[in-house]
Amino acid sequence: MRRRRLLCLPALLAGHGAAAQVATGFPSQPMRWVVPFPPGFTTNISRLIGDHMAARLGQPFVYDNRSGATGVIGSDQVAKARPDGYTMVMATQASHAVLPHLMPNFPYDPERDFAPIGMMAVFPNILVVRPALGPRNAAELLALARTRPAGLTYGSSGNGSSIQMVSEALAMATGTRLVHAPYRGATLAQTDLLAGHIDLMLDNLPNAMGQIQGGTLLALATATESRIPQLPQVPTFTELGIPGVEMAAWIGLMAPGGTPPTIVARLNAELNTTLQAPEIRDRLLAMGAVPLITTPAEFATRLHADLARFRDFVPRAGIRLD
């Protein structure tokens, strides 16, 4: 037995040496960054972070918008890609923690089929309406909703999106009827909100910030535990006597499951260095995102907890895809 262990030792050392060599020589070619949504703020954030990472890594990212099914189509492509570190996806709370509980025959296991690299940011959700709707605060909006038997319509970035989750949490907390109108991305939903085709959105702040600052949308409340620095004048739902609506969406970077840990560690280090760069952090905050610094293990823990949370929330809220 002792001789067998000694015979195996060179092979083990060779394996460790190969892994180290992979990390040292990585990357040696351009990398693919899948954005599983149409062009919009998610692409802008990906480019902001990715371009800074690419400069440090010495190879460019090719950004690939693969939209559909609230991020599932693009994520599935990455789940099935070669686990060599050259393909990664901007994973979202919806595509990895919510939709597994909604879609039959879900195409991937969000934990087994991906290697978490690190979280990038969380997005506060903001209740917004166009000024022409009439209400100037959340109480007036809810009063309007109660006068309409058919309810008010809200737009989201798709079925199972964080916008749908927080909107249904608001409906449950207030006993109002809110009718879901899913879109292929938050930007398209906002376009219809501005045109008056839907009544409201609990939009992600990066998507809504420009319209709020320009006065074309009114911010009535935030679905956060405390007021956010970008909009200090806007109260939280809890302040308004509506608890249970706190919910913030996250995005993170993931590679295919089985990607060598040395490569994951290298990408995590460059991601976190990028997120801590003052010019990147300031840009993200100005866009309405809150940067997060995590290890791959911490990202995996957050994903596991959110999978459990939405496993309970989705049936309680009666959320279905049809």
Protein backbone atom coordinates (compact mmCIF):
# COMPACT_ATOMS: atom_id res chain seq x y z
CA MET A 1 0.00 0.00 0.00
CA ARG A 2 2.87 2.37 0.90
CA ARG A 3 4.58 1.66 -2.44
CA ARG A 4 1.31 2.37 -4.30
CA ARG A 5 0.94 5.74 -2.57
CA LEU A 6 4.53 6.65 -3.45
CA LEU A 7 3.96 5.65 -7.05
CA CYS A 8 0.91 7.93 -7.18
CA LEU A 9 2.80 10.91 -5.77
CA PRO A 10 4.49 11.96 -9.05
CA ALA A 11 1.13 11.91 -10.81
CA LEU A 12 -0.44 14.07 -8.11
CA LEU A 13 2.43 16.54 -8.27
CA ALA A 14 2.17 16.63 -12.04
CA GLY A 15 -1.54 17.38 -11.73
CA HIS A 16 -0.93 20.30 -9.38
CA GLY A 17 1.79 21.58 -11.69
CA ALA A 18 -0.55 21.45 -14.68
CA ALA A 19 -3.23 23.35 -12.79
CA ALA A 20 -0.75 26.04 -11.80
CA GLN A 21 0.46 26.24 -15.40
CA VAL A 22 -3.12 26.68 -16.62
CA ALA A 23 -3.63 29.61 -14.24
CA THR A 24 -0.26 31.16 -15.11
CA GLY A 25 -0.90 31.04 -18.85
CA PHE A 26 -4.51 32.19 -18.58
CA PRO A 27 -5.87 33.94 -20.52
CA SER A 28 -4.09 33.44 -23.83
CA GLN A 29 -7.00 34.41 -26.11
CA PRO A 30 -10.12 36.63 -26.08
CA MET A 31 -12.87 35.63 -23.66
CA ARG A 32 -16.64 35.52 -24.17
CA TRP A 33 -18.94 37.37 -21.73
CA VAL A 34 -22.57 36.38 -22.24
CA VAL A 35 -25.18 38.98 -21.29
CA PRO A 36 -28.46 37.02 -21.24
CA PHE A 37 -30.62 40.09 -21.92
CA PRO A 38 -31.17 42.56 -24.77
CA PRO A 39 -28.85 45.59 -25.00
CA GLY A 40 -29.52 47.96 -22.10
CA PHE A 41 -28.20 48.73 -18.65
CA THR A 42 -27.11 45.13 -18.03
CA THR A 43 -24.86 45.34 -21.09
CA ASN A 44 -23.54 48.74 -19.98
CA ILE A 45 -22.64 47.39 -16.55
CA SER A 46 -21.03 44.29 -18.07
CA ARG A 47 -18.88 46.44 -20.35
CA LEU A 48 -17.92 48.80 -17.55
CA ILE A 49 -16.69 45.95 -15.36
CA GLY A 50 -15.47 43.67 -18.13
CA ASP A 51 -13.36 46.25 -19.95
CA HIS A 52 -11.51 47.09 -16.73
CA MET A 53 -10.96 43.38 -16.02
CA ALA A 54 -9.79 42.78 -19.59
CA ALA A 55 -7.14 45.47 -19.32
CA ARG A 56 -5.75 43.72 -16.25
CA LEU A 57 -6.03 40.23 -17.77
CA GLY A 58 -4.36 41.26 -21.02
CA GLN A 59 -7.11 39.84 -23.25
CA PRO A 60 -10.39 41.43 -24.40
CA PHE A 61 -13.91 40.29 -23.68
CA VAL A 62 -16.34 39.69 -26.53
CA TYR A 63 -19.79 40.67 -25.23
CA ASP A 64 -22.58 38.44 -26.49
CA ASN A 65 -26.22 39.39 -25.90
CA ARG A 66 -28.24 36.14 -25.78
CA SER A 67 -31.65 37.20 -24.52
CA GLY A 68 -34.73 35.13 -23.80
CA ALA A 69 -36.60 33.47 -20.93
CA THR A 70 -35.42 36.09 -18.41
CA GLY A 71 -31.79 35.11 -18.78
CA VAL A 72 -32.21 31.34 -19.01
CA ILE A 73 -31.33 30.94 -22.70
CA GLY A 74 -27.98 32.69 -22.44
CA SER A 75 -27.19 31.07 -19.10
CA ASP A 76 -27.92 27.62 -20.51
CA GLN A 77 -25.42 28.18 -23.31
CA VAL A 78 -22.73 28.93 -20.75
CA ALA A 79 -23.71 25.94 -18.60
CA LYS A 80 -22.96 23.73 -21.61
CA ALA A 81 -19.79 25.54 -22.68
CA ARG A 82 -16.29 24.16 -22.27
CA PRO A 83 -15.13 24.78 -18.66
CA ASP A 84 -11.86 26.42 -19.60
CA GLY A 85 -12.44 29.93 -18.26
CA TYR A 86 -12.99 31.50 -21.66
CA THR A 87 -16.78 31.66 -21.41
CA MET A 88 -18.73 33.28 -18.58
CA VAL A 89 -22.17 34.72 -17.97
CA MET A 90 -23.66 37.63 -16.10
CA ALA A 91 -25.85 35.52 -13.83
CA THR A 92 -28.90 37.06 -12.16
CA GLN A 93 -31.11 36.30 -9.22
CA ALA A 94 -33.91 35.48 -11.67
CA SER A 95 -31.98 33.13 -13.92
CA HIS A 96 -30.36 31.20 -11.07
CA ALA A 97 -32.55 31.47 -7.95
CA VAL A 98 -36.14 32.13 -9.07
CA LEU A 99 -36.84 30.49 -12.41
CA PRO A 100 -35.68 27.01 -11.34
CA HIS A 101 -38.86 26.98 -9.22
CA LEU A 102 -41.10 28.16 -12.06
CA MET A 103 -40.03 26.54 -15.32
CA PRO A 104 -40.81 22.87 -15.97
CA ASN A 105 -37.88 20.86 -17.31
CA PHE A 106 -35.46 23.58 -16.28
CA PRO A 107 -32.38 23.15 -18.49
CA TYR A 108 -29.61 23.47 -15.91
CA ASP A 109 -28.80 23.07 -12.24
CA PRO A 110 -27.85 26.57 -11.04
CA GLU A 111 -25.42 25.19 -8.46
CA ARG A 112 -23.95 22.09 -10.09
CA ASP A 113 -23.64 23.42 -13.65
CA PHE A 114 -21.87 26.68 -12.79
CA ALA A 115 -18.72 27.81 -11.03
CA PRO A 116 -19.42 31.07 -9.16
CA ILE A 117 -16.67 33.63 -9.74
CA GLY A 118 -18.03 36.50 -7.67
CA MET A 119 -20.99 38.77 -7.17
CA MET A 120 -20.82 42.14 -8.91
CA ALA A 121 -23.63 44.33 -7.57
CA VAL A 122 -27.10 44.54 -6.13
CA PHE A 123 -29.83 46.73 -7.58
CA PRO A 124 -32.41 48.45 -5.37
CA ASN A 125 -35.96 48.21 -6.69
CA ILE A 126 -37.81 51.53 -6.97
CA LEU A 127 -41.57 52.03 -7.38
CA VAL A 128 -41.93 54.40 -10.34
CA VAL A 129 -44.86 55.83 -12.31
CA ARG A 130 -45.18 58.38 -15.08
CA PRO A 131 -46.40 61.78 -13.82
CA ALA A 132 -49.52 61.68 -16.02
CA LEU A 133 -50.91 58.74 -14.03
CA GLY A 134 -51.73 61.14 -11.20
CA PRO A 135 -50.45 59.74 -7.86
CA ARG A 136 -47.62 61.66 -6.23
CA ASN A 137 -46.88 59.13 -3.48
CA ALA A 138 -47.30 55.43 -2.77
CA ALA A 139 -50.47 55.89 -0.70
CA GLU A 140 -52.20 57.67 -3.58
CA LEU A 141 -51.09 54.96 -6.00
CA LEU A 142 -52.46 52.17 -3.80
CA ALA A 143 -55.71 54.10 -3.36
CA LEU A 144 -55.98 54.34 -7.14
CA ALA A 145 -55.36 50.60 -7.46
CA ARG A 146 -58.23 49.85 -5.07
CA THR A 147 -60.65 51.86 -7.24
CA ARG A 148 -59.91 49.67 -10.25
CA PRO A 149 -61.43 46.19 -10.05
CA ALA A 150 -59.11 44.99 -12.81
CA GLY A 151 -56.12 46.40 -10.91
CA LEU A 152 -53.09 48.27 -12.18
CA THR A 153 -50.64 46.82 -14.67
CA TYR A 154 -46.94 46.59 -13.96
CA GLY A 155 -44.10 45.77 -16.30
CA SER A 156 -41.11 43.56 -15.62
CA SER A 157 -38.01 42.31 -17.37
CA GLY A 158 -39.66 38.91 -17.78
CA ASN A 159 -41.34 36.02 -16.04
CA GLY A 160 -39.55 35.16 -12.82
CA SER A 161 -37.58 38.40 -12.79
CA SER A 162 -36.69 40.23 -9.60
CA ILE A 163 -39.11 42.96 -10.68
CA GLN A 164 -41.96 40.44 -10.75
CA MET A 165 -40.96 39.03 -7.36
CA VAL A 166 -40.92 42.39 -5.57
CA SER A 167 -44.11 43.52 -7.34
CA GLU A 168 -45.95 40.42 -6.16
CA ALA A 169 -44.55 40.98 -2.66
CA LEU A 170 -46.09 44.48 -2.76
CA ALA A 171 -49.42 43.09 -3.94
CA MET A 172 -49.42 40.53 -1.11
CA ALA A 173 -48.44 43.10 1.52
CA THR A 174 -51.13 45.61 0.51
CA GLY A 175 -53.95 43.37 -0.72
CA THR A 176 -54.06 45.17 -4.06
CA ARG A 177 -54.41 43.65 -7.50
CA LEU A 178 -51.39 44.17 -9.72
CA VAL A 179 -51.45 42.61 -13.18
CA HIS A 180 -48.15 41.40 -14.59
CA ALA A 181 -46.96 42.38 -18.08
CA PRO A 182 -43.64 40.59 -18.79
CA TYR A 183 -41.18 41.99 -21.35
CA ARG A 184 -37.89 40.81 -22.85
CA GLY A 185 -35.89 43.12 -20.61
CA ALA A 186 -36.48 46.04 -18.26
CA THR A 187 -35.61 48.61 -20.92
CA LEU A 188 -38.51 47.48 -23.11
CA ALA A 189 -40.87 47.50 -20.12
CA GLN A 190 -39.80 51.03 -19.25
CA THR A 191 -40.47 52.17 -22.83
CA ASP A 192 -44.09 51.03 -22.51
CA LEU A 193 -44.35 52.61 -19.05
CA LEU A 194 -43.28 55.97 -20.47
CA ALA A 195 -45.76 55.54 -23.32
CA GLY A 196 -48.62 54.85 -20.89
CA HIS A 197 -49.23 51.25 -21.95
CA ILE A 198 -48.64 50.03 -18.37
CA ASP A 199 -49.19 51.81 -15.07
CA LEU A 200 -46.12 51.23 -12.90
CA MET A 201 -42.85 49.41 -12.38
CA LEU A 202 -40.78 48.35 -9.42
CA ASP A 203 -37.79 48.93 -11.61
CA ASN A 204 -34.13 48.25 -10.90
CA LEU A 205 -32.54 51.59 -10.04
CA PRO A 206 -29.87 51.49 -12.80
CA ASN A 207 -32.61 51.23 -15.42
CA ALA A 208 -34.76 53.96 -13.84
CA MET A 209 -32.16 56.45 -12.61
CA GLY A 210 -31.91 58.52 -15.78
CA GLN A 211 -35.68 58.86 -16.14
CA ILE A 212 -36.08 59.78 -12.46
CA GLN A 213 -33.39 62.43 -12.73
CA GLY A 214 -34.97 63.75 -15.93
CA GLY A 215 -38.42 63.98 -14.37
CA THR A 216 -40.11 61.61 -16.81
CA LEU A 217 -40.68 59.08 -14.00
CA LEU A 218 -41.63 59.70 -10.38
CA ALA A 219 -39.98 57.60 -7.65
CA LEU A 220 -42.54 56.83 -4.93
CA ALA A 221 -40.85 54.24 -2.67
CA THR A 222 -37.85 51.93 -2.41
CA ALA A 223 -37.95 48.20 -1.66
CA THR A 224 -34.90 48.47 0.58
CA GLU A 225 -34.23 48.28 4.31
CA SER A 226 -33.10 51.90 4.44
CA ARG A 227 -33.16 54.90 2.13
CA ILE A 228 -30.62 54.76 -0.66
CA PRO A 229 -27.94 57.44 -1.09
CA GLN A 230 -28.82 58.07 -4.73
CA LEU A 231 -32.43 59.03 -3.81
CA PRO A 232 -32.38 60.11 -0.15
CA GLN A 233 -35.74 61.88 -0.44
CA VAL A 234 -37.61 58.68 -1.40
CA PRO A 235 -39.04 56.71 1.56
CA THR A 236 -38.86 52.95 1.98
CA PHE A 237 -41.99 50.80 1.99
CA THR A 238 -41.30 50.00 5.64
CA GLU A 239 -41.36 53.70 6.49
CA LEU A 240 -44.75 53.88 4.79
CA GLY A 241 -46.11 51.08 6.97
CA ILE A 242 -45.76 48.37 4.31
CA PRO A 243 -43.26 45.77 5.59
CA GLY A 244 -42.24 42.62 3.76
CA VAL A 245 -41.39 44.22 0.41
CA GLU A 246 -37.62 44.44 0.94
CA MET A 247 -35.96 42.72 -1.99
CA ALA A 248 -32.85 43.61 -4.00
CA ALA A 249 -31.76 41.90 -7.20
CA TRP A 250 -28.18 40.84 -7.71
CA ILE A 251 -25.89 40.08 -10.61
CA GLY A 252 -22.73 38.03 -10.54
CA LEU A 253 -20.17 36.43 -12.79
CA MET A 254 -20.23 32.67 -13.35
CA ALA A 255 -18.27 30.20 -15.44
CA PRO A 256 -19.33 26.68 -16.49
CA GLY A 257 -19.22 24.06 -13.77
CA GLY A 258 -15.88 22.29 -13.68
CA THR A 259 -13.82 25.37 -14.50
CA PRO A 260 -10.41 24.89 -12.79
CA PRO A 261 -10.37 26.52 -9.34
CA THR A 262 -7.11 28.29 -10.18
CA ILE A 263 -8.80 30.07 -13.09
CA VAL A 264 -11.85 30.89 -10.98
CA ALA A 265 -9.56 32.37 -8.32
CA ARG A 266 -7.74 34.49 -10.93
CA LEU A 267 -11.00 35.84 -12.34
CA ASN A 268 -12.35 36.52 -8.84
CA ALA A 269 -9.22 38.47 -7.93
CA GLU A 270 -9.45 40.63 -11.05
CA LEU A 271 -13.20 41.13 -10.61
CA ASN A 272 -12.81 42.30 -7.01
CA THR A 273 -9.89 44.56 -7.89
CA THR A 274 -12.06 46.11 -10.60
CA LEU A 275 -15.03 46.62 -8.27
CA GLN A 276 -12.78 48.35 -5.73
CA ALA A 277 -11.30 50.74 -8.29
CA PRO A 278 -12.64 54.22 -7.38
CA GLU A 279 -13.60 55.09 -10.96
CA ILE A 280 -15.59 51.85 -11.35
CA ARG A 281 -17.24 52.05 -7.94
CA ASP A 282 -18.27 55.67 -8.52
CA ARG A 283 -19.69 54.87 -11.95
CA LEU A 284 -21.69 51.94 -10.58
CA LEU A 285 -23.10 54.02 -7.74
CA ALA A 286 -24.01 56.79 -10.18
CA MET A 287 -25.83 54.20 -12.30
CA GLY A 288 -27.79 53.01 -9.26
CA ALA A 289 -25.89 49.79 -8.53
CA VAL A 290 -24.22 48.90 -5.23
CA PRO A 291 -20.90 47.05 -5.80
CA LEU A 292 -20.26 43.82 -3.85
CA ILE A 293 -16.93 42.20 -3.01
CA THR A 294 -17.25 38.43 -2.47
CA THR A 295 -15.32 35.20 -2.74
CA PRO A 296 -16.59 32.38 -4.96
CA ALA A 297 -17.67 30.52 -1.80
CA GLU A 298 -19.63 33.52 -0.52
CA PHE A 299 -21.38 33.82 -3.87
CA ALA A 300 -22.26 30.12 -3.75
CA THR A 301 -23.68 30.56 -0.24
CA ARG A 302 -25.85 33.50 -1.34
CA LEU A 303 -27.16 31.53 -4.32
CA HIS A 304 -28.01 28.55 -2.11
CA ALA A 305 -29.89 30.78 0.36
CA ASP A 306 -31.86 32.53 -2.39
CA LEU A 307 -32.84 29.22 -3.97
CA ALA A 308 -34.33 28.22 -0.62
CA ARG A 309 -36.02 31.60 -0.15
CA PHE A 310 -37.79 31.59 -3.51
CA ARG A 311 -38.69 27.91 -3.21
CA ASP A 312 -41.00 29.11 -0.42
CA PHE A 313 -41.99 32.52 -1.84
CA VAL A 314 -43.03 31.50 -5.36
CA PRO A 315 -45.90 29.17 -4.36
CA ARG A 316 -47.04 31.48 -1.53
CA ALA A 317 -47.34 34.35 -4.00
CA GLY A 318 -49.12 32.13 -6.52
CA ILE A 319 -46.59 33.01 -9.22
CA ARG A 320 -46.79 30.96 -12.40
CA LEU A 321 -45.41 31.36 -15.88
CA ASP A 322 -48.75 31.13 -17.67
